[in-house]
Protein backbone atom coordinates (compact mmCIF):
# COMPACT_ATOMS: atom_id res chain seq x y z
CA UNK A 1 0.00 0.00 0.00
CA UNK A 2 1.16 3.51 -0.79
CA UNK A 3 0.17 6.88 0.60
CA UNK A 4 -0.37 9.40 -2.22
CA UNK A 5 -0.68 13.19 -2.02
CA UNK A 6 -3.90 14.09 -3.87
CA UNK A 7 -4.55 17.74 -3.06
CA UNK A 8 -5.22 20.29 -0.36
CA UNK A 9 -8.29 20.64 1.82
CA UNK A 10 -8.57 24.33 0.87
CA UNK A 11 -9.28 23.27 -2.73
CA UNK A 12 -12.51 21.43 -1.80
CA UNK A 13 -15.60 23.32 -0.68
CA UNK A 14 -17.45 22.07 2.39
CA UNK A 15 -19.92 19.41 1.15
CA UNK A 16 -18.05 19.47 -2.16
CA UNK A 17 -15.94 17.00 -4.10
CA UNK A 18 -12.94 16.79 -6.40
CA UNK A 19 -11.90 13.90 -8.60
CA UNK A 20 -8.54 12.37 -9.40
CA UNK A 21 -7.46 9.38 -11.45
CA UNK A 22 -4.98 6.93 -9.92
CA UNK A 23 -3.90 3.62 -11.42
CA UNK A 24 -6.85 3.64 -13.83
CA UNK A 25 -9.47 4.35 -11.15
CA UNK A 26 -11.40 7.60 -10.89
CA UNK A 27 -11.65 8.58 -7.22
CA UNK A 28 -13.98 11.18 -5.69
CA UNK A 29 -12.67 13.06 -2.65
CA UNK A 30 -15.36 14.63 -0.44
CA UNK A 31 -15.07 17.26 2.28
CA UNK A 32 -17.80 16.84 4.89
CA UNK A 33 -19.33 19.65 6.94
CA UNK A 34 -17.57 18.38 10.10
CA UNK A 35 -14.15 18.66 8.41
CA UNK A 36 -13.67 14.97 7.60
CA UNK A 37 -12.36 14.03 4.18
CA UNK A 38 -13.55 10.80 2.56
CA UNK A 39 -12.55 9.14 -0.71
CA UNK A 40 -14.32 6.51 -2.78
CA UNK A 41 -14.52 5.23 -6.29
CA UNK A 42 -16.41 7.76 -8.39
CA UNK A 43 -19.15 5.45 -9.64
CA UNK A 44 -22.48 4.33 -8.32
CA UNK A 45 -22.87 0.53 -8.38
CA UNK A 46 -26.35 0.93 -9.91
CA UNK A 47 -25.76 2.70 -13.24
CA UNK A 48 -22.21 4.08 -12.82
CA UNK A 49 -23.37 7.64 -12.01
CA UNK A 50 -20.54 10.02 -11.04
CA UNK A 51 -20.83 10.30 -7.26
CA UNK A 52 -18.71 13.46 -7.28
CA UNK A 53 -21.69 15.17 -8.93
CA UNK A 54 -24.09 14.03 -6.20
CA UNK A 55 -25.33 15.89 -3.15
CA UNK A 56 -23.55 15.29 0.17
CA UNK A 57 -25.85 14.96 3.17
CA UNK A 58 -24.17 14.17 6.50
CA UNK A 59 -21.89 11.20 5.84
CA UNK A 60 -23.66 10.08 2.67
CA UNK A 61 -23.68 11.07 -0.98
CA UNK A 62 -26.76 10.76 -3.20
CA UNK A 63 -26.10 9.48 -6.71
CA UNK A 64 -27.15 12.17 -9.21
CA UNK A 65 -28.78 9.64 -11.56
CA UNK A 66 -31.28 7.73 -9.41
CA UNK A 67 -30.73 9.10 -5.88
CA UNK A 68 -29.11 5.97 -4.46
CA UNK A 69 -27.64 6.90 -1.06
CA UNK A 70 -24.07 5.74 -0.40
CA UNK A 71 -22.28 5.88 2.96
CA UNK A 72 -19.02 7.81 2.51
CA UNK A 73 -17.39 5.95 5.42
CA UNK A 74 -18.05 2.36 4.35
CA UNK A 75 -19.02 2.62 0.67
CA UNK A 76 -22.20 0.65 1.39
CA UNK A 77 -25.44 1.55 -0.33
CA UNK A 78 -28.34 2.30 2.01
CA UNK A 79 -31.39 0.01 1.98
CA UNK A 80 -33.66 -0.74 0.24
CA UNK A 81 -31.01 -0.61 -2.50
CA UNK A 82 -27.98 -2.88 -2.43
CA UNK A 83 -24.34 -2.58 -3.41
CA UNK A 84 -20.96 -1.26 -2.39
CA UNK A 85 -18.33 1.15 -3.68
CA UNK A 86 -14.57 0.90 -3.02
CA UNK A 87 -13.36 3.32 -0.34
CA UNK A 88 -9.87 4.66 0.31
CA UNK A 89 -8.27 5.60 3.62
CA UNK A 90 -7.70 9.36 3.85
CA UNK A 91 -5.42 11.50 5.99
CA UNK A 92 -5.23 15.29 6.23
CA UNK A 93 -2.02 16.94 7.45
CA UNK A 94 -3.23 19.44 10.05
CA UNK A 95 -0.38 21.89 9.47
CA UNK A 96 -0.40 22.07 5.67
CA UNK A 97 -3.91 20.84 4.81
CA UNK A 98 -2.45 18.28 2.40
CA UNK A 99 -4.75 15.34 1.66
CA UNK A 100 -3.30 11.85 1.31
CA UNK A 101 -5.10 8.66 0.33
CA UNK A 102 -3.83 5.11 0.69
CA UNK A 103 -3.89 3.00 -2.44
PDB file of N, CA and C in Angstrom:
ATOM      1  N   UNK A   1       0.846  -1.178   0.000  1.00  0.00           N
ATOM      2  CA  UNK A   1       0.000   0.000   0.000  1.00  0.00           C
ATOM      3  C   UNK A   1       0.890   1.240   0.000  1.00  0.00           C
ATOM      4  N   UNK A   2       0.391   2.268  -0.690  1.00  0.00           N
ATOM      5  CA  UNK A   2       1.164   3.507  -0.789  1.00  0.00           C
ATOM      6  C   UNK A   2       0.282   4.693  -0.436  1.00  0.00           C
ATOM      7  N   UNK A   3       0.868   5.647   0.264  1.00  0.00           N
ATOM      8  CA  UNK A   3       0.174   6.884   0.601  1.00  0.00           C
ATOM      9  C   UNK A   3       0.509   7.901  -0.487  1.00  0.00           C
ATOM     10  N   UNK A   4      -0.545   8.507  -1.078  1.00  0.00           N
ATOM     11  CA  UNK A   4      -0.368   9.395  -2.219  1.00  0.00           C
ATOM     12  C   UNK A   4      -0.961  10.771  -1.901  1.00  0.00           C
ATOM     13  N   UNK A   5      -0.185  11.832  -2.169  1.00  0.00           N
ATOM     14  CA  UNK A   5      -0.678  13.194  -2.018  1.00  0.00           C
ATOM     15  C   UNK A   5      -1.644  13.468  -3.168  1.00  0.00           C
ATOM     16  N   UNK A   6      -2.885  13.889  -2.829  1.00  0.00           N
ATOM     17  CA  UNK A   6      -3.899  14.086  -3.866  1.00  0.00           C
ATOM     18  C   UNK A   6      -4.456  15.503  -3.924  1.00  0.00           C
ATOM     19  N   UNK A   7      -4.054  16.370  -3.019  1.00  0.00           N
ATOM     20  CA  UNK A   7      -4.554  17.742  -3.058  1.00  0.00           C
ATOM     21  C   UNK A   7      -4.474  18.400  -1.704  1.00  0.00           C
ATOM     22  N   UNK A   8      -5.190  19.515  -1.595  1.00  0.00           N
ATOM     23  CA  UNK A   8      -5.219  20.291  -0.362  1.00  0.00           C
ATOM     24  C   UNK A   8      -6.663  20.530   0.036  1.00  0.00           C
ATOM     25  N   UNK A   9      -6.924  20.485   1.325  1.00  0.00           N
ATOM     26  CA  UNK A   9      -8.291  20.638   1.818  1.00  0.00           C
ATOM     27  C   UNK A   9      -8.900  21.990   1.421  1.00  0.00           C
ATOM     28  N   UNK A  10      -8.071  23.007   1.265  1.00  0.00           N
ATOM     29  CA  UNK A  10      -8.570  24.334   0.871  1.00  0.00           C
ATOM     30  C   UNK A  10      -9.144  24.338  -0.542  1.00  0.00           C
ATOM     31  N   UNK A  11      -8.804  23.334  -1.347  1.00  0.00           N
ATOM     32  CA  UNK A  11      -9.281  23.267  -2.729  1.00  0.00           C
ATOM     33  C   UNK A  11     -10.648  22.607  -2.864  1.00  0.00           C
ATOM     34  N   UNK A  12     -11.201  22.109  -1.757  1.00  0.00           N
ATOM     35  CA  UNK A  12     -12.506  21.431  -1.800  1.00  0.00           C
ATOM     36  C   UNK A  12     -13.470  22.186  -0.899  1.00  0.00           C
ATOM     37  N   UNK A  13     -14.572  22.647  -1.471  1.00  0.00           N
ATOM     38  CA  UNK A  13     -15.596  23.325  -0.679  1.00  0.00           C
ATOM     39  C   UNK A  13     -16.212  22.357   0.323  1.00  0.00           C
ATOM     40  N   UNK A  14     -16.713  22.880   1.442  1.00  0.00           N
ATOM     41  CA  UNK A  14     -17.453  22.067   2.394  1.00  0.00           C
ATOM     42  C   UNK A  14     -18.669  21.490   1.671  1.00  0.00           C
ATOM     43  N   UNK A  15     -18.891  20.191   1.831  1.00  0.00           N
ATOM     44  CA  UNK A  15     -19.922  19.415   1.148  1.00  0.00           C
ATOM     45  C   UNK A  15     -19.675  19.307  -0.345  1.00  0.00           C
ATOM     46  N   UNK A  16     -18.424  19.554  -0.753  1.00  0.00           N
ATOM     47  CA  UNK A  16     -18.050  19.472  -2.157  1.00  0.00           C
ATOM     48  C   UNK A  16     -17.164  18.275  -2.424  1.00  0.00           C
ATOM     49  N   UNK A  17     -16.774  18.129  -3.692  1.00  0.00           N
ATOM     50  CA  UNK A  17     -15.937  17.003  -4.099  1.00  0.00           C
ATOM     51  C   UNK A  17     -14.980  17.424  -5.199  1.00  0.00           C
ATOM     52  N   UNK A  18     -13.908  16.680  -5.307  1.00  0.00           N
ATOM     53  CA  UNK A  18     -12.938  16.792  -6.399  1.00  0.00           C
ATOM     54  C   UNK A  18     -12.653  15.369  -6.868  1.00  0.00           C
ATOM     55  N   UNK A  19     -12.224  15.232  -8.099  1.00  0.00           N
ATOM     56  CA  UNK A  19     -11.896  13.900  -8.604  1.00  0.00           C
ATOM     57  C   UNK A  19     -10.440  13.848  -9.038  1.00  0.00           C
ATOM     58  N   UNK A  20      -9.888  12.653  -8.913  1.00  0.00           N
ATOM     59  CA  UNK A  20      -8.541  12.368  -9.396  1.00  0.00           C
ATOM     60  C   UNK A  20      -8.583  10.997 -10.059  1.00  0.00           C
ATOM     61  N   UNK A  21      -7.580  10.709 -10.854  1.00  0.00           N
ATOM     62  CA  UNK A  21      -7.460   9.377 -11.450  1.00  0.00           C
ATOM     63  C   UNK A  21      -6.125   8.796 -11.010  1.00  0.00           C
ATOM     64  N   UNK A  22      -6.181   7.628 -10.373  1.00  0.00           N
ATOM     65  CA  UNK A  22      -4.980   6.925  -9.923  1.00  0.00           C
ATOM     66  C   UNK A  22      -5.062   5.479 -10.360  1.00  0.00           C
ATOM     67  N   UNK A  23      -4.005   5.021 -11.002  1.00  0.00           N
ATOM     68  CA  UNK A  23      -3.904   3.623 -11.417  1.00  0.00           C
ATOM     69  C   UNK A  23      -5.156   3.152 -12.149  1.00  0.00           C
ATOM     70  N   UNK A  24      -5.696   4.010 -13.021  1.00  0.00           N
ATOM     71  CA  UNK A  24      -6.854   3.643 -13.835  1.00  0.00           C
ATOM     72  C   UNK A  24      -8.192   3.753 -13.145  1.00  0.00           C
ATOM     73  N   UNK A  25      -8.218   4.226 -11.906  1.00  0.00           N
ATOM     74  CA  UNK A  25      -9.472   4.354 -11.153  1.00  0.00           C
ATOM     75  C   UNK A  25      -9.770   5.819 -10.895  1.00  0.00           C
ATOM     76  N   UNK A  26     -10.982   6.239 -11.216  1.00  0.00           N
ATOM     77  CA  UNK A  26     -11.400   7.600 -10.888  1.00  0.00           C
ATOM     78  C   UNK A  26     -11.905   7.605  -9.449  1.00  0.00           C
ATOM     79  N   UNK A  27     -11.344   8.513  -8.650  1.00  0.00           N
ATOM     80  CA  UNK A  27     -11.655   8.579  -7.218  1.00  0.00           C
ATOM     81  C   UNK A  27     -12.256   9.948  -6.907  1.00  0.00           C
ATOM     82  N   UNK A  28     -13.352   9.948  -6.155  1.00  0.00           N
ATOM     83  CA  UNK A  28     -13.983  11.182  -5.687  1.00  0.00           C
ATOM     84  C   UNK A  28     -13.534  11.433  -4.254  1.00  0.00           C
ATOM     85  N   UNK A  29     -13.108  12.659  -3.983  1.00  0.00           N
ATOM     86  CA  UNK A  29     -12.669  13.055  -2.646  1.00  0.00           C
ATOM     87  C   UNK A  29     -13.656  14.088  -2.134  1.00  0.00           C
ATOM     88  N   UNK A  30     -14.299  13.790  -1.004  1.00  0.00           N
ATOM     89  CA  UNK A  30     -15.361  14.630  -0.443  1.00  0.00           C
ATOM     90  C   UNK A  30     -14.897  15.300   0.844  1.00  0.00           C
ATOM     91  N   UNK A  31     -15.309  16.543   1.017  1.00  0.00           N
ATOM     92  CA  UNK A  31     -15.069  17.257   2.283  1.00  0.00           C
ATOM     93  C   UNK A  31     -16.416  17.424   2.977  1.00  0.00           C
ATOM     94  N   UNK A  32     -16.541  16.810   4.147  1.00  0.00           N
ATOM     95  CA  UNK A  32     -17.802  16.837   4.893  1.00  0.00           C
ATOM     96  C   UNK A  32     -17.907  18.105   5.732  1.00  0.00           C
ATOM     97  N   UNK A  33     -19.107  18.416   6.169  1.00  0.00           N
ATOM     98  CA  UNK A  33     -19.332  19.651   6.938  1.00  0.00           C
ATOM     99  C   UNK A  33     -18.619  19.643   8.287  1.00  0.00           C
ATOM    100  N   UNK A  34     -18.282  18.447   8.822  1.00  0.00           N
ATOM    101  CA  UNK A  34     -17.569  18.378  10.099  1.00  0.00           C
ATOM    102  C   UNK A  34     -16.052  18.389   9.922  1.00  0.00           C
ATOM    103  N   UNK A  35     -15.580  18.589   8.680  1.00  0.00           N
ATOM    104  CA  UNK A  35     -14.149  18.658   8.410  1.00  0.00           C
ATOM    105  C   UNK A  35     -13.514  17.357   7.946  1.00  0.00           C
ATOM    106  N   UNK A  36     -14.218  16.244   8.070  1.00  0.00           N
ATOM    107  CA  UNK A  36     -13.666  14.974   7.602  1.00  0.00           C
ATOM    108  C   UNK A  36     -13.503  14.991   6.088  1.00  0.00           C
ATOM    109  N   UNK A  37     -12.548  14.220   5.609  1.00  0.00           N
ATOM    110  CA  UNK A  37     -12.357  14.031   4.177  1.00  0.00           C
ATOM    111  C   UNK A  37     -12.486  12.544   3.899  1.00  0.00           C
ATOM    112  N   UNK A  38     -13.313  12.198   2.914  1.00  0.00           N
ATOM    113  CA  UNK A  38     -13.550  10.797   2.556  1.00  0.00           C
ATOM    114  C   UNK A  38     -13.292  10.620   1.073  1.00  0.00           C
ATOM    115  N   UNK A  39     -12.829   9.431   0.692  1.00  0.00           N
ATOM    116  CA  UNK A  39     -12.546   9.139  -0.710  1.00  0.00           C
ATOM    117  C   UNK A  39     -13.148   7.796  -1.091  1.00  0.00           C
ATOM    118  N   UNK A  40     -13.774   7.753  -2.267  1.00  0.00           N
ATOM    119  CA  UNK A  40     -14.316   6.508  -2.775  1.00  0.00           C
ATOM    120  C   UNK A  40     -14.323   6.517  -4.286  1.00  0.00           C
ATOM    121  N   UNK A  41     -14.480   5.335  -4.845  1.00  0.00           N
ATOM    122  CA  UNK A  41     -14.521   5.228  -6.294  1.00  0.00           C
ATOM    123  C   UNK A  41     -15.673   6.068  -6.815  1.00  0.00           C
ATOM    124  N   UNK A  42     -15.444   6.784  -7.881  1.00  0.00           N
ATOM    125  CA  UNK A  42     -16.414   7.758  -8.386  1.00  0.00           C
ATOM    126  C   UNK A  42     -17.429   7.118  -9.322  1.00  0.00           C
ATOM    127  N   UNK A  43     -18.101   6.083  -8.839  1.00  0.00           N
ATOM    128  CA  UNK A  43     -19.150   5.452  -9.644  1.00  0.00           C
ATOM    129  C   UNK A  43     -20.158   4.759  -8.747  1.00  0.00           C
ATOM    130  N   UNK A  44     -21.401   5.001  -9.041  1.00  0.00           N
ATOM    131  CA  UNK A  44     -22.480   4.330  -8.318  1.00  0.00           C
ATOM    132  C   UNK A  44     -22.571   2.891  -8.828  1.00  0.00           C
ATOM    133  N   UNK A  45     -22.786   1.920  -7.934  1.00  0.00           N
ATOM    134  CA  UNK A  45     -22.872   0.529  -8.379  1.00  0.00           C
ATOM    135  C   UNK A  45     -24.144   0.226  -9.185  1.00  0.00           C
ATOM    136  N   UNK A  46     -25.091   1.148  -9.199  1.00  0.00           N
ATOM    137  CA  UNK A  46     -26.347   0.925  -9.906  1.00  0.00           C
ATOM    138  C   UNK A  46     -26.192   1.136 -11.407  1.00  0.00           C
ATOM    139  N   UNK A  47     -25.876   2.374 -11.812  1.00  0.00           N
ATOM    140  CA  UNK A  47     -25.758   2.705 -13.239  1.00  0.00           C
ATOM    141  C   UNK A  47     -24.499   3.522 -13.525  1.00  0.00           C
ATOM    142  N   UNK A  48     -23.502   3.406 -12.649  1.00  0.00           N
ATOM    143  CA  UNK A  48     -22.214   4.083 -12.816  1.00  0.00           C
ATOM    144  C   UNK A  48     -22.288   5.611 -12.818  1.00  0.00           C
ATOM    145  N   UNK A  49     -23.277   6.181 -12.138  1.00  0.00           N
ATOM    146  CA  UNK A  49     -23.366   7.635 -12.012  1.00  0.00           C
ATOM    147  C   UNK A  49     -22.135   8.182 -11.300  1.00  0.00           C
ATOM    148  N   UNK A  50     -21.712   9.380 -11.661  1.00  0.00           N
ATOM    149  CA  UNK A  50     -20.542  10.015 -11.042  1.00  0.00           C
ATOM    150  C   UNK A  50     -20.933  10.566  -9.672  1.00  0.00           C
ATOM    151  N   UNK A  51     -20.475   9.904  -8.624  1.00  0.00           N
ATOM    152  CA  UNK A  51     -20.833  10.299  -7.259  1.00  0.00           C
ATOM    153  C   UNK A  51     -20.326  11.690  -6.914  1.00  0.00           C
ATOM    154  N   UNK A  52     -19.242  12.119  -7.540  1.00  0.00           N
ATOM    155  CA  UNK A  52     -18.708  13.460  -7.280  1.00  0.00           C
ATOM    156  C   UNK A  52     -19.700  14.556  -7.679  1.00  0.00           C
ATOM    157  N   UNK A  53     -20.677  14.216  -8.504  1.00  0.00           N
ATOM    158  CA  UNK A  53     -21.694  15.172  -8.930  1.00  0.00           C
ATOM    159  C   UNK A  53     -22.947  15.099  -8.067  1.00  0.00           C
ATOM    160  N   UNK A  54     -22.936  14.204  -7.078  1.00  0.00           N
ATOM    161  CA  UNK A  54     -24.086  14.027  -6.202  1.00  0.00           C
ATOM    162  C   UNK A  54     -24.090  15.002  -5.039  1.00  0.00           C
ATOM    163  N   UNK A  55     -25.181  15.002  -4.299  1.00  0.00           N
ATOM    164  CA  UNK A  55     -25.334  15.886  -3.147  1.00  0.00           C
ATOM    165  C   UNK A  55     -24.879  15.158  -1.882  1.00  0.00           C
ATOM    166  N   UNK A  56     -24.027  15.837  -1.099  1.00  0.00           N
ATOM    167  CA  UNK A  56     -23.554  15.291   0.169  1.00  0.00           C
ATOM    168  C   UNK A  56     -24.521  15.700   1.266  1.00  0.00           C
ATOM    169  N   UNK A  57     -24.932  14.718   2.054  1.00  0.00           N
ATOM    170  CA  UNK A  57     -25.849  14.957   3.170  1.00  0.00           C
ATOM    171  C   UNK A  57     -25.324  14.167   4.363  1.00  0.00           C
ATOM    172  N   UNK A  58     -24.760  14.860   5.348  1.00  0.00           N
ATOM    173  CA  UNK A  58     -24.168  14.175   6.495  1.00  0.00           C
ATOM    174  C   UNK A  58     -22.961  13.384   6.055  1.00  0.00           C
ATOM    175  N   UNK A  59     -23.001  12.065   6.251  1.00  0.00           N
ATOM    176  CA  UNK A  59     -21.891  11.204   5.843  1.00  0.00           C
ATOM    177  C   UNK A  59     -22.289  10.328   4.657  1.00  0.00           C
ATOM    178  N   UNK A  60     -23.211  10.821   3.846  1.00  0.00           N
ATOM    179  CA  UNK A  60     -23.658  10.081   2.671  1.00  0.00           C
ATOM    180  C   UNK A  60     -23.639  10.981   1.447  1.00  0.00           C
ATOM    181  N   UNK A  61     -23.547  10.346   0.290  1.00  0.00           N
ATOM    182  CA  UNK A  61     -23.684  11.065  -0.976  1.00  0.00           C
ATOM    183  C   UNK A  61     -24.836  10.415  -1.736  1.00  0.00           C
ATOM    184  N   UNK A  62     -25.634  11.241  -2.400  1.00  0.00           N
ATOM    185  CA  UNK A  62     -26.760  10.763  -3.196  1.00  0.00           C
ATOM    186  C   UNK A  62     -26.339  10.743  -4.657  1.00  0.00           C
ATOM    187  N   UNK A  63     -26.455   9.597  -5.302  1.00  0.00           N
ATOM    188  CA  UNK A  63     -26.103   9.481  -6.710  1.00  0.00           C
ATOM    189  C   UNK A  63     -26.974  10.442  -7.518  1.00  0.00           C
ATOM    190  N   UNK A  64     -26.377  11.203  -8.444  1.00  0.00           N
ATOM    191  CA  UNK A  64     -27.150  12.168  -9.210  1.00  0.00           C
ATOM    192  C   UNK A  64     -28.088  11.534 -10.232  1.00  0.00           C
ATOM    193  N   UNK A  65     -27.913  10.257 -10.559  1.00  0.00           N
ATOM    194  CA  UNK A  65     -28.785   9.637 -11.563  1.00  0.00           C
ATOM    195  C   UNK A  65     -30.110   9.147 -10.996  1.00  0.00           C
ATOM    196  N   UNK A  66     -30.056   8.344  -9.934  1.00  0.00           N
ATOM    197  CA  UNK A  66     -31.275   7.727  -9.407  1.00  0.00           C
ATOM    198  C   UNK A  66     -31.408   7.855  -7.899  1.00  0.00           C
ATOM    199  N   UNK A  67     -30.630   8.762  -7.300  1.00  0.00           N
ATOM    200  CA  UNK A  67     -30.734   9.097  -5.880  1.00  0.00           C
ATOM    201  C   UNK A  67     -30.387   7.945  -4.935  1.00  0.00           C
ATOM    202  N   UNK A  68     -29.586   6.985  -5.393  1.00  0.00           N
ATOM    203  CA  UNK A  68     -29.109   5.973  -4.457  1.00  0.00           C
ATOM    204  C   UNK A  68     -28.237   6.676  -3.421  1.00  0.00           C
ATOM    205  N   UNK A  69     -28.362   6.273  -2.173  1.00  0.00           N
ATOM    206  CA  UNK A  69     -27.641   6.899  -1.061  1.00  0.00           C
ATOM    207  C   UNK A  69     -26.484   5.981  -0.654  1.00  0.00           C
ATOM    208  N   UNK A  70     -25.260   6.527  -0.679  1.00  0.00           N
ATOM    209  CA  UNK A  70     -24.070   5.743  -0.397  1.00  0.00           C
ATOM    210  C   UNK A  70     -23.332   6.325   0.797  1.00  0.00           C
ATOM    211  N   UNK A  71     -22.999   5.469   1.762  1.00  0.00           N
ATOM    212  CA  UNK A  71     -22.283   5.878   2.962  1.00  0.00           C
ATOM    213  C   UNK A  71     -20.829   6.177   2.598  1.00  0.00           C
ATOM    214  N   UNK A  72     -20.379   7.395   2.857  1.00  0.00           N
ATOM    215  CA  UNK A  72     -19.022   7.807   2.513  1.00  0.00           C
ATOM    216  C   UNK A  72     -17.962   7.149   3.394  1.00  0.00           C
ATOM    217  N   UNK A  73     -18.350   6.605   4.536  1.00  0.00           N
ATOM    218  CA  UNK A  73     -17.388   5.951   5.420  1.00  0.00           C
ATOM    219  C   UNK A  73     -17.126   4.513   5.015  1.00  0.00           C
ATOM    220  N   UNK A  74     -18.171   3.798   4.641  1.00  0.00           N
ATOM    221  CA  UNK A  74     -18.049   2.365   4.352  1.00  0.00           C
ATOM    222  C   UNK A  74     -18.154   2.025   2.869  1.00  0.00           C
ATOM    223  N   UNK A  75     -18.762   2.902   2.079  1.00  0.00           N
ATOM    224  CA  UNK A  75     -19.023   2.616   0.671  1.00  0.00           C
ATOM    225  C   UNK A  75     -20.285   1.821   0.442  1.00  0.00           C
ATOM    226  N   UNK A  76     -20.974   1.438   1.515  1.00  0.00           N
ATOM    227  CA  UNK A  76     -22.199   0.647   1.389  1.00  0.00           C
ATOM    228  C   UNK A  76     -23.383   1.501   0.946  1.00  0.00           C
ATOM    229  N   UNK A  77     -24.217   0.909   0.116  1.00  0.00           N
ATOM    230  CA  UNK A  77     -25.444   1.554  -0.333  1.00  0.00           C
ATOM    231  C   UNK A  77     -26.503   1.349   0.743  1.00  0.00           C
ATOM    232  N   UNK A  78     -27.270   2.394   1.017  1.00  0.00           N
ATOM    233  CA  UNK A  78     -28.342   2.301   2.009  1.00  0.00           C
ATOM    234  C   UNK A  78     -29.510   1.496   1.450  1.00  0.00           C
ATOM    235  N   UNK A  79     -30.184   0.758   2.342  1.00  0.00           N
ATOM    236  CA  UNK A  79     -31.389   0.007   1.980  1.00  0.00           C
ATOM    237  C   UNK A  79     -32.486   0.985   1.575  1.00  0.00           C
ATOM    238  N   UNK A  80     -33.393   0.610   0.722  1.00  0.00           N
ATOM    239  CA  UNK A  80     -33.664  -0.740   0.239  1.00  0.00           C
ATOM    240  C   UNK A  80     -32.773  -1.166  -0.926  1.00  0.00           C
ATOM    241  N   UNK A  81     -31.910  -0.267  -1.411  1.00  0.00           N
ATOM    242  CA  UNK A  81     -31.010  -0.612  -2.504  1.00  0.00           C
ATOM    243  C   UNK A  81     -29.845  -1.435  -1.965  1.00  0.00           C
ATOM    244  N   UNK A  82     -29.043  -1.982  -2.856  1.00  0.00           N
ATOM    245  CA  UNK A  82     -27.984  -2.883  -2.430  1.00  0.00           C
ATOM    246  C   UNK A  82     -26.753  -2.686  -3.303  1.00  0.00           C
ATOM    247  N   UNK A  83     -25.590  -2.702  -2.678  1.00  0.00           N
ATOM    248  CA  UNK A  83     -24.338  -2.585  -3.410  1.00  0.00           C
ATOM    249  C   UNK A  83     -23.268  -1.970  -2.546  1.00  0.00           C
ATOM    250  N   UNK A  84     -22.091  -1.807  -3.126  1.00  0.00           N
ATOM    251  CA  UNK A  84     -20.958  -1.262  -2.392  1.00  0.00           C
ATOM    252  C   UNK A  84     -19.993  -0.611  -3.376  1.00  0.00           C
ATOM    253  N   UNK A  85     -19.317   0.431  -2.907  1.00  0.00           N
ATOM    254  CA  UNK A  85     -18.325   1.155  -3.679  1.00  0.00           C
ATOM    255  C   UNK A  85     -16.999   1.061  -2.920  1.00  0.00           C
ATOM    256  N   UNK A  86     -15.890   0.944  -3.648  1.00  0.00           N
ATOM    257  CA  UNK A  86     -14.573   0.899  -3.016  1.00  0.00           C
ATOM    258  C   UNK A  86     -14.277   2.220  -2.316  1.00  0.00           C
ATOM    259  N   UNK A  87     -13.759   2.131  -1.094  1.00  0.00           N
ATOM    260  CA  UNK A  87     -13.358   3.318  -0.336  1.00  0.00           C
ATOM    261  C   UNK A  87     -11.848   3.324  -0.177  1.00  0.00           C
ATOM    262  N   UNK A  88     -11.308   4.501   0.134  1.00  0.00           N
ATOM    263  CA  UNK A  88      -9.871   4.660   0.305  1.00  0.00           C
ATOM    264  C   UNK A  88      -9.614   5.411   1.601  1.00  0.00           C
ATOM    265  N   UNK A  89      -8.643   4.936   2.370  1.00  0.00           N
ATOM    266  CA  UNK A  89      -8.274   5.599   3.617  1.00  0.00           C
ATOM    267  C   UNK A  89      -7.728   6.983   3.299  1.00  0.00           C
ATOM    268  N   UNK A  90      -8.163   7.983   4.066  1.00  0.00           N
ATOM    269  CA  UNK A  90      -7.704   9.358   3.855  1.00  0.00           C
ATOM    270  C   UNK A  90      -7.013   9.878   5.107  1.00  0.00           C
ATOM    271  N   UNK A  91      -6.123  10.837   4.891  1.00  0.00           N
ATOM    272  CA  UNK A  91      -5.423  11.503   5.990  1.00  0.00           C
ATOM    273  C   UNK A  91      -5.194  12.953   5.577  1.00  0.00           C
ATOM    274  N   UNK A  92      -5.465  13.878   6.495  1.00  0.00           N
ATOM    275  CA  UNK A  92      -5.225  15.294   6.234  1.00  0.00           C
ATOM    276  C   UNK A  92      -4.141  15.776   7.183  1.00  0.00           C
ATOM    277  N   UNK A  93      -3.098  16.364   6.644  1.00  0.00           N
ATOM    278  CA  UNK A  93      -2.024  16.940   7.452  1.00  0.00           C
ATOM    279  C   UNK A  93      -2.558  18.238   8.051  1.00  0.00           C
ATOM    280  N   UNK A  94      -2.660  18.290   9.364  1.00  0.00           N
ATOM    281  CA  UNK A  94      -3.232  19.442  10.052  1.00  0.00           C
ATOM    282  C   UNK A  94      -2.480  20.734   9.817  1.00  0.00           C
ATOM    283  N   UNK A  95      -1.185  20.679   9.645  1.00  0.00           N
ATOM    284  CA  UNK A  95      -0.377  21.887   9.472  1.00  0.00           C
ATOM    285  C   UNK A  95      -0.498  22.443   8.051  1.00  0.00           C
ATOM    286  N   UNK A  96      -0.421  21.592   7.050  1.00  0.00           N
ATOM    287  CA  UNK A  96      -0.398  22.070   5.672  1.00  0.00           C
ATOM    288  C   UNK A  96      -1.743  21.951   4.961  1.00  0.00           C
ATOM    289  N   UNK A  97      -2.633  21.087   5.469  1.00  0.00           N
ATOM    290  CA  UNK A  97      -3.912  20.843   4.807  1.00  0.00           C
ATOM    291  C   UNK A  97      -3.806  19.863   3.649  1.00  0.00           C
ATOM    292  N   UNK A  98      -2.641  19.254   3.480  1.00  0.00           N
ATOM    293  CA  UNK A  98      -2.447  18.276   2.405  1.00  0.00           C
ATOM    294  C   UNK A  98      -3.305  17.037   2.650  1.00  0.00           C
ATOM    295  N   UNK A  99      -3.906  16.540   1.589  1.00  0.00           N
ATOM    296  CA  UNK A  99      -4.748  15.343   1.661  1.00  0.00           C
ATOM    297  C   UNK A  99      -3.981  14.176   1.047  1.00  0.00           C
ATOM    298  N   UNK A 100      -3.932  13.069   1.785  1.00  0.00           N
ATOM    299  CA  UNK A 100      -3.296  11.846   1.313  1.00  0.00           C
ATOM    300  C   UNK A 100      -4.345  10.743   1.311  1.00  0.00           C
ATOM    301  N   UNK A 101      -4.288   9.870   0.301  1.00  0.00           N
ATOM    302  CA  UNK A 101      -5.100   8.663   0.332  1.00  0.00           C
ATOM    303  C   UNK A 101      -4.164   7.474   0.211  1.00  0.00           C
ATOM    304  N   UNK A 102      -4.602   6.347   0.756  1.00  0.00           N
ATOM    305  CA  UNK A 102      -3.828   5.113   0.692  1.00  0.00           C
ATOM    306  C   UNK A 102      -4.383   4.241  -0.404  1.00  0.00           C
ATOM    307  N   UNK A 103      -3.509   3.867  -1.316  1.00  0.00           N
ATOM    308  CA  UNK A 103      -3.893   3.003  -2.443  1.00  0.00           C
ATOM    309  C   UNK A 103      -3.349   1.608  -2.181  1.00  0.00           C
TER     310      UNK A 103
END
